[in-house]
Amino acid sequence: MGNNLEIVSSGNEVNIFSPSAVKSLADGSYYENLELKKYETEQFYDEPFAQFTDMEMIYYFLHQERDIKEEKNRREKTKKEYASTLVSFYKQLHTYEETLKNDVPDYQEGSILKNIRPRHVKEYQKWLSTAPLGRNGQPYKITTIAKKTIILKSFLQFLHKSGYCTHRLQDALLSASIRRDDLPNRDLSYNETQQIIDYYKEHPINYALLLLLATTGMRVQELATAKWKDLKYENGEYWLHIIGKGRKERDIYLFGYVFEALCTFRKIRGLPTTLRPQDESPLVTTYTNKAYNYTYLSHYVSKLVRRTNLSFLQHHDTNVTAHTFRHFYAIHSLEKGADLFRVQQTLGHESSKTTEIYVDRYLKKKNNASLLWKQDEF
């Protein structure tokens, strides 16, 4: 495999520098081959990864089974996100391979990962935080750097624990903690949300999508993967059973008018509206009656909001996205009298800290001491 720029997957050689590198690394069909290689290596060497290449280490890390229950292992979306970060990391290392050779006295040919030292990891993180890799040629936001740092740290810990790298490279990574002030302002008021939804009242498809997001607090991925069979009518109420982030299950309440909008959506798509537990069709579909790709649906919702050209959008710090409606749901629920724990449970947040981030700015304004003063105090 040369200097580890290729990995054999399903009989085809995939170059890490090709556009399909991330997709290929996220494909789990080669994992069993590596498990067999690891097993056979353990029979003849002290270290089970002694015969692995750099690419095989990255691939094994992405697909390693960490729990006996399949549903608790990394999902395809997570694997792609991890693969993207690690491909970028390895490409940068390869670009400076000649520098590494001059910088490391005992350089081992045939591997790049085995030759990096803590100082190189530190330099990479510094580059990652300043390089124009973000949107519009700007550096990454702190939230993105934090995510990539977590992925990279996990991978470097794996390399050390597996014995592939002798240095504790993960210790060189600086903290990339996120303060609440670092997060974009995603607050959307009730009036603003109503204006966006009302704009599409004469467009049933768009109207139903926006209404579902705003009145349920669903993640866009949850909406894209929901199925019609999981919608139930119980005691005069509509409940949608979904599998959310981390494969956690919860039930989402649908108002009657939201259900009616959903039925109109499905009639236009030529789909049945009678509730049947055997109906495997997606809850919402594209015009070809296929399930939405959640990334596409997310971009589509952002585009719908931009198209309205509503005046208040000019004063928002960030674009209004599908996720913004989830923030709106949390804030509006508090305005209606729900406590933080109730909102946390409804949104499916594992930690109350996440919910607090959603409503932080709202609560600071609501609890501002000046609101206790009389308007004509002076």
Protein backbone atom coordinates (compact mmCIF):
# COMPACT_ATOMS: atom_id res chain seq x y z
CA MET A 1 0.00 0.00 0.00
CA GLY A 2 2.93 2.33 -0.61
CA ASN A 3 3.18 4.95 2.10
CA ASN A 4 -0.34 4.22 3.28
CA LEU A 5 -2.32 6.43 0.92
CA GLU A 6 -4.65 3.63 -0.14
CA ILE A 7 -6.84 1.09 1.53
CA VAL A 8 -8.32 -1.95 -0.16
CA SER A 9 -12.08 -2.01 0.24
CA SER A 10 -14.33 -4.51 -1.53
CA GLY A 11 -11.54 -5.29 -3.98
CA ASN A 12 -11.04 -1.68 -5.07
CA GLU A 13 -8.19 0.61 -4.16
CA VAL A 14 -9.39 3.94 -2.78
CA ASN A 15 -7.00 6.89 -2.69
CA ILE A 16 -7.40 9.06 0.39
CA PHE A 17 -6.92 12.14 -1.77
CA SER A 18 -9.85 11.28 -4.03
CA PRO A 19 -13.23 13.08 -3.60
CA SER A 20 -14.77 9.77 -2.52
CA ALA A 21 -12.23 9.12 0.24
CA VAL A 22 -14.55 10.01 3.11
CA LYS A 23 -17.40 7.93 1.70
CA SER A 24 -15.06 4.97 1.12
CA LEU A 25 -13.60 5.12 4.63
CA ALA A 26 -17.11 5.29 6.09
CA ASP A 27 -18.10 2.11 4.22
CA GLY A 28 -17.94 -0.72 6.75
CA SER A 29 -17.67 -3.62 4.27
CA TYR A 30 -13.88 -3.96 4.82
CA TYR A 31 -14.07 -4.16 8.60
CA GLU A 32 -14.31 -7.95 8.83
CA ASN A 33 -11.13 -8.24 6.74
CA LEU A 34 -9.29 -6.08 9.23
CA GLU A 35 -10.65 -8.04 12.17
CA LEU A 36 -9.27 -11.20 10.56
CA LYS A 37 -5.93 -9.50 9.92
CA LYS A 38 -5.82 -8.35 13.55
CA TYR A 39 -6.62 -11.87 14.76
CA GLU A 40 -3.90 -13.45 12.61
CA THR A 41 -1.38 -10.77 13.62
CA GLU A 42 -1.97 -11.52 17.30
CA GLN A 43 -0.86 -15.10 16.69
CA PHE A 44 2.63 -14.06 15.61
CA TYR A 45 3.27 -10.62 17.14
CA ASP A 46 2.96 -9.10 20.58
CA GLU A 47 1.02 -6.16 19.18
CA PRO A 48 -2.25 -6.93 17.33
CA PHE A 49 -1.85 -3.88 15.06
CA ALA A 50 1.81 -4.53 14.20
CA GLN A 51 1.05 -5.19 10.52
CA PHE A 52 -1.56 -2.48 10.05
CA THR A 53 -1.00 0.54 7.82
CA ASP A 54 -1.93 4.10 8.66
CA MET A 55 -5.08 3.93 6.53
CA GLU A 56 -6.08 0.66 8.12
CA MET A 57 -5.70 2.20 11.57
CA ILE A 58 -7.96 5.08 10.60
CA TYR A 59 -10.46 2.68 9.07
CA TYR A 60 -10.42 0.34 12.06
CA PHE A 61 -10.89 3.25 14.46
CA LEU A 62 -13.95 4.42 12.52
CA HIS A 63 -15.63 1.02 12.51
CA GLN A 64 -14.40 -0.65 15.69
CA GLU A 65 -17.14 -2.30 17.68
CA ARG A 66 -17.31 -0.69 21.11
CA ASP A 67 -20.47 -2.35 22.35
CA ILE A 68 -21.97 -5.83 21.94
CA LYS A 69 -25.23 -4.17 20.87
CA GLU A 70 -24.94 -2.99 17.28
CA GLU A 71 -27.26 -0.02 17.85
CA LYS A 72 -24.81 1.45 20.38
CA ASN A 73 -21.90 1.61 17.95
CA ARG A 74 -21.12 4.58 15.69
CA ARG A 75 -23.78 5.46 13.16
CA GLU A 76 -23.06 6.14 9.49
CA LYS A 77 -23.45 9.89 9.94
CA THR A 78 -20.91 9.87 12.78
CA LYS A 79 -18.47 7.74 10.79
CA LYS A 80 -18.57 10.21 7.89
CA GLU A 81 -18.00 13.14 10.23
CA TYR A 82 -15.06 11.38 11.86
CA ALA A 83 -13.67 10.26 8.48
CA SER A 84 -13.78 13.83 7.15
CA THR A 85 -11.80 15.15 10.13
CA LEU A 86 -9.20 12.38 9.98
CA VAL A 87 -8.77 12.57 6.21
CA SER A 88 -8.04 16.29 6.56
CA PHE A 89 -5.57 15.56 9.38
CA TYR A 90 -3.74 12.89 7.38
CA LYS A 91 -3.61 14.98 4.21
CA GLN A 92 -1.92 17.78 6.11
CA LEU A 93 0.60 15.37 7.61
CA HIS A 94 1.36 13.95 4.18
CA THR A 95 1.88 17.45 2.76
CA TYR A 96 4.67 17.98 5.31
CA GLU A 97 6.09 14.46 5.19
CA GLU A 98 9.51 15.65 4.03
CA THR A 99 9.61 18.11 6.93
CA LEU A 100 8.76 15.27 9.30
CA LYS A 101 11.62 13.19 7.93
CA ASN A 102 14.06 15.99 8.68
CA ASP A 103 12.54 16.69 12.09
CA VAL A 104 12.39 13.14 13.45
CA PRO A 105 15.85 11.51 13.87
CA ASP A 106 14.56 7.93 14.04
CA TYR A 107 12.01 8.28 11.23
CA GLN A 108 10.30 4.98 10.34
CA GLU A 109 9.64 4.55 6.64
CA GLY A 110 6.20 3.30 5.56
CA SER A 111 4.17 5.21 8.11
CA ILE A 112 3.40 8.82 8.85
CA LEU A 113 1.39 8.35 12.03
CA LYS A 114 4.20 6.46 13.78
CA ASN A 115 6.53 9.40 13.21
CA ILE A 116 4.49 12.31 14.48
CA ARG A 117 5.36 13.76 17.86
CA PRO A 118 3.38 15.91 20.32
CA ARG A 119 4.91 19.08 18.86
CA HIS A 120 3.51 18.20 15.42
CA VAL A 121 0.02 17.66 16.82
CA LYS A 122 0.20 21.03 18.55
CA GLU A 123 1.23 22.71 15.30
CA TYR A 124 -1.61 21.02 13.44
CA GLN A 125 -4.19 22.25 15.94
CA LYS A 126 -2.82 25.78 15.65
CA TRP A 127 -3.08 25.54 11.85
CA LEU A 128 -6.62 24.13 12.10
CA SER A 129 -7.78 27.10 14.17
CA THR A 130 -6.34 29.75 11.84
CA ALA A 131 -6.49 28.30 8.29
CA PRO A 132 -9.27 29.69 6.00
CA LEU A 133 -11.20 26.42 5.99
CA GLY A 134 -14.58 27.68 7.15
CA ARG A 135 -17.50 29.29 5.38
CA ASN A 136 -16.65 32.11 2.95
CA GLY A 137 -12.92 31.48 3.36
CA GLN A 138 -12.96 32.30 7.06
CA PRO A 139 -11.32 30.24 9.85
CA TYR A 140 -13.47 27.61 11.53
CA LYS A 141 -15.76 28.74 14.33
CA ILE A 142 -14.85 27.63 17.83
CA THR A 143 -17.76 25.14 17.81
CA THR A 144 -16.31 23.40 14.74
CA ILE A 145 -12.78 23.40 16.16
CA ALA A 146 -14.11 21.90 19.39
CA LYS A 147 -15.83 19.06 17.53
CA LYS A 148 -12.75 18.28 15.44
CA THR A 149 -10.53 18.40 18.51
CA ILE A 150 -12.71 15.83 20.27
CA ILE A 151 -12.54 13.51 17.24
CA LEU A 152 -8.80 13.93 16.87
CA LYS A 153 -8.16 13.36 20.58
CA SER A 154 -10.21 10.16 20.51
CA PHE A 155 -8.23 8.89 17.50
CA LEU A 156 -4.85 9.73 19.03
CA GLN A 157 -5.87 7.99 22.27
CA PHE A 158 -6.73 4.93 20.19
CA LEU A 159 -3.33 5.00 18.47
CA HIS A 160 -1.53 5.08 21.82
CA LYS A 161 -3.73 2.50 23.52
CA SER A 162 -3.37 0.12 20.58
CA GLY A 163 0.43 0.40 20.73
CA TYR A 164 0.62 1.80 17.18
CA CYS A 165 2.13 5.05 18.48
CA THR A 166 4.40 5.09 21.51
CA HIS A 167 3.95 8.81 22.28
CA ARG A 168 0.88 10.19 24.09
CA LEU A 169 0.02 12.49 21.21
CA GLN A 170 -3.42 13.32 22.62
CA ASP A 171 -1.82 15.20 25.51
CA ALA A 172 -0.52 17.85 23.10
CA LEU A 173 -4.01 19.00 22.15
CA LEU A 174 -5.08 22.25 23.77
CA SER A 175 -8.57 22.59 25.19
CA ALA A 176 -11.14 23.96 22.76
CA SER A 177 -13.96 24.47 25.24
CA ILE A 178 -17.01 26.39 24.14
CA ARG A 179 -18.36 29.27 26.18
CA ARG A 180 -22.01 30.19 25.84
CA ASP A 181 -20.98 33.55 24.39
CA ASP A 182 -19.21 31.68 21.57
CA LEU A 183 -22.47 30.14 20.35
CA PRO A 184 -24.45 31.84 17.56
CA ASN A 185 -27.69 33.54 18.51
CA ARG A 186 -30.45 31.23 17.29
CA ASP A 187 -33.29 32.89 19.16
CA LEU A 188 -36.45 33.28 17.09
CA SER A 189 -39.51 34.99 18.54
CA TYR A 190 -43.08 33.77 18.21
CA ASN A 191 -44.00 36.65 15.88
CA GLU A 192 -40.98 36.01 13.67
CA THR A 193 -41.74 32.30 13.48
CA GLN A 194 -45.38 33.01 12.69
CA GLN A 195 -44.38 35.35 9.85
CA ILE A 196 -42.17 32.66 8.28
CA ILE A 197 -44.85 29.98 8.51
CA ASP A 198 -47.66 32.29 7.34
CA TYR A 199 -45.62 33.19 4.27
CA TYR A 200 -46.07 29.61 3.05
CA LYS A 201 -49.71 29.07 3.99
CA GLU A 202 -50.62 28.81 0.31
CA HIS A 203 -47.80 26.30 -0.29
CA PRO A 204 -48.94 23.12 1.55
CA ILE A 205 -45.66 21.23 1.20
CA ASN A 206 -43.48 23.97 2.62
CA TYR A 207 -46.12 24.97 5.16
CA ALA A 208 -46.31 21.45 6.62
CA LEU A 209 -42.52 21.07 6.87
CA LEU A 210 -42.08 24.36 8.72
CA LEU A 211 -45.09 23.72 10.94
CA LEU A 212 -43.79 20.28 11.94
CA LEU A 213 -40.41 21.69 12.93
CA ALA A 214 -41.75 24.71 14.83
CA THR A 215 -44.51 22.97 16.81
CA THR A 216 -42.68 19.78 17.78
CA GLY A 217 -39.05 20.75 18.39
CA MET A 218 -37.97 17.79 16.26
CA ARG A 219 -34.45 17.61 14.91
CA VAL A 220 -34.43 17.79 11.11
CA GLN A 221 -32.87 14.31 10.99
CA GLU A 222 -35.72 12.98 13.12
CA LEU A 223 -38.27 14.46 10.73
CA ALA A 224 -36.44 13.05 7.70
CA THR A 225 -36.32 9.51 9.12
CA ALA A 226 -39.77 9.38 10.76
CA LYS A 227 -42.24 6.84 9.35
CA TRP A 228 -46.00 7.04 8.91
CA LYS A 229 -46.52 3.78 10.80
CA ASP A 230 -45.11 5.38 13.95
CA LEU A 231 -47.91 7.97 14.13
CA LYS A 232 -50.65 6.91 16.54
CA TYR A 233 -54.00 8.36 17.61
CA GLU A 234 -54.51 7.73 21.32
CA ASN A 235 -57.22 9.21 23.56
CA GLY A 236 -57.95 11.97 21.09
CA GLU A 237 -54.29 12.93 20.62
CA TYR A 238 -51.72 12.35 17.87
CA TRP A 239 -48.35 11.00 18.99
CA LEU A 240 -45.35 10.29 16.79
CA HIS A 241 -42.84 7.75 18.06
CA ILE A 242 -39.32 8.61 16.89
CA ILE A 243 -35.77 7.38 17.37
CA GLY A 244 -33.63 10.40 18.10
CA LYS A 245 -29.98 11.21 18.67
CA GLY A 246 -28.02 8.37 20.23
CA ARG A 247 -30.87 6.04 19.18
CA LYS A 248 -32.97 7.24 22.07
CA GLU A 249 -36.71 6.82 21.66
CA ARG A 250 -39.32 9.40 22.55
CA ASP A 251 -42.86 10.42 21.63
CA ILE A 252 -43.69 13.71 19.95
CA TYR A 253 -47.06 15.40 20.28
CA LEU A 254 -48.79 16.65 17.12
CA PHE A 255 -51.54 19.26 17.35
CA GLY A 256 -54.69 18.51 15.35
CA TYR A 257 -54.03 21.33 12.87
CA VAL A 258 -50.48 20.07 12.37
CA PHE A 259 -51.82 16.59 11.61
CA GLU A 260 -54.23 18.12 9.08
CA ALA A 261 -51.37 19.99 7.40
CA LEU A 262 -49.40 16.74 7.30
CA CYS A 263 -52.34 14.92 5.68
CA THR A 264 -52.61 17.65 3.03
CA PHE A 265 -48.88 17.20 2.38
CA ARG A 266 -49.32 13.44 1.94
CA LYS A 267 -52.36 13.78 -0.33
CA ILE A 268 -50.36 16.03 -2.66
CA ARG A 269 -47.62 13.41 -2.70
CA GLY A 270 -50.20 10.71 -3.44
CA LEU A 271 -49.66 8.97 -0.11
CA PRO A 272 -52.34 7.46 2.16
CA THR A 273 -53.49 9.41 5.21
CA THR A 274 -55.17 6.56 7.08
CA LEU A 275 -53.10 5.58 10.10
CA ARG A 276 -51.84 2.04 9.68
CA PRO A 277 -49.06 0.37 11.74
CA GLN A 278 -48.04 -1.59 8.61
CA ASP A 279 -47.38 1.50 6.48
CA GLU A 280 -43.59 1.75 6.07
CA SER A 281 -43.69 4.96 4.02
CA PRO A 282 -41.73 7.98 5.30
CA LEU A 283 -43.75 10.54 7.26
CA VAL A 284 -42.78 13.20 4.70
CA THR A 285 -41.32 12.51 1.27
CA THR A 286 -39.74 14.19 -1.71
CA TYR A 287 -41.77 14.62 -4.90
CA THR A 288 -40.51 11.17 -5.97
CA ASN A 289 -41.98 9.72 -2.76
CA LYS A 290 -38.59 8.90 -1.31
CA ALA A 291 -37.41 9.79 2.18
CA TYR A 292 -35.63 13.11 2.46
CA ASN A 293 -31.91 13.10 2.96
CA TYR A 294 -31.68 15.03 6.21
CA THR A 295 -28.81 17.22 4.96
CA TYR A 296 -30.80 18.15 1.88
CA LEU A 297 -33.90 18.84 3.99
CA SER A 298 -31.88 21.05 6.32
CA HIS A 299 -30.53 23.10 3.40
CA TYR A 300 -34.01 23.24 1.86
CA VAL A 301 -35.55 24.69 5.04
CA SER A 302 -32.80 27.33 5.23
CA LYS A 303 -33.53 28.23 1.62
CA LEU A 304 -37.26 28.52 2.34
CA VAL A 305 -36.59 31.01 5.12
CA ARG A 306 -34.24 33.09 2.98
CA ARG A 307 -36.81 33.25 0.18
CA THR A 308 -39.28 35.07 2.41
CA ASN A 309 -37.01 38.14 2.52
CA LEU A 310 -38.73 39.16 5.73
CA SER A 311 -37.23 42.37 7.14
CA PHE A 312 -36.29 40.96 10.56
CA LEU A 313 -33.98 38.39 8.94
CA GLN A 314 -31.51 41.18 8.15
CA HIS A 315 -30.91 41.69 11.87
CA HIS A 316 -30.22 38.07 12.74
CA ASP A 317 -26.61 37.19 13.58
CA THR A 318 -26.86 33.86 11.73
CA ASN A 319 -29.06 32.26 9.10
CA VAL A 320 -32.35 30.86 10.32
CA THR A 321 -32.08 27.10 9.86
CA ALA A 322 -34.13 24.01 10.63
CA HIS A 323 -32.30 23.85 13.97
CA THR A 324 -33.38 27.42 14.79
CA PHE A 325 -36.97 26.21 15.02
CA ARG A 326 -35.86 23.73 17.69
CA HIS A 327 -34.51 26.66 19.71
CA PHE A 328 -37.78 28.51 19.14
CA TYR A 329 -39.72 25.54 20.49
CA ALA A 330 -37.66 25.51 23.69
CA ILE A 331 -38.06 29.26 24.30
CA HIS A 332 -41.77 29.36 23.43
CA SER A 333 -42.44 26.41 25.73
CA LEU A 334 -40.84 28.33 28.62
CA GLU A 335 -42.95 31.35 27.73
CA LYS A 336 -46.00 29.12 27.99
CA GLY A 337 -45.02 28.06 31.51
CA ALA A 338 -43.06 24.83 31.00
CA ASP A 339 -40.10 24.31 33.33
CA LEU A 340 -36.62 23.54 32.09
CA PHE A 341 -36.79 19.83 32.93
CA ARG A 342 -39.99 19.41 30.95
CA VAL A 343 -38.44 21.10 27.91
CA GLN A 344 -35.32 18.94 28.28
CA GLN A 345 -37.37 15.74 28.25
CA THR A 346 -39.49 16.83 25.30
CA LEU A 347 -36.48 17.77 23.18
CA GLY A 348 -34.64 14.58 24.10
CA HIS A 349 -31.62 16.32 25.61
CA GLU A 350 -29.44 14.01 27.68
CA SER A 351 -28.19 16.89 29.79
CA SER A 352 -30.04 19.92 31.13
CA LYS A 353 -26.92 21.97 30.24
CA THR A 354 -27.78 21.60 26.54
CA THR A 355 -31.30 22.88 27.16
CA GLU A 356 -29.90 25.77 29.19
CA ILE A 357 -27.75 26.78 26.22
CA TYR A 358 -30.87 26.87 24.03
CA VAL A 359 -32.66 29.31 26.32
CA ASP A 360 -29.72 31.17 27.88
CA ARG A 361 -30.26 34.52 26.16
CA TYR A 362 -34.01 34.39 26.68
CA LEU A 363 -33.65 33.73 30.42
CA LYS A 364 -31.06 36.50 30.83
CA LYS A 365 -33.46 38.99 29.29
CA LYS A 366 -36.45 37.67 31.24
CA ASN A 367 -34.54 37.85 34.52
CA ASN A 368 -33.01 41.26 33.88
CA ALA A 369 -33.32 43.30 37.10
CA SER A 370 -34.30 46.44 35.17
CA LEU A 371 -37.66 44.85 34.37
CA LEU A 372 -38.59 45.24 38.03
CA TRP A 373 -38.25 49.03 37.82
CA LYS A 374 -41.06 51.36 36.90
CA GLN A 375 -40.88 52.73 33.37
CA ASP A 376 -40.95 56.30 34.74
CA GLU A 377 -38.56 55.73 37.69
CA PHE A 378 -36.74 59.01 36.95
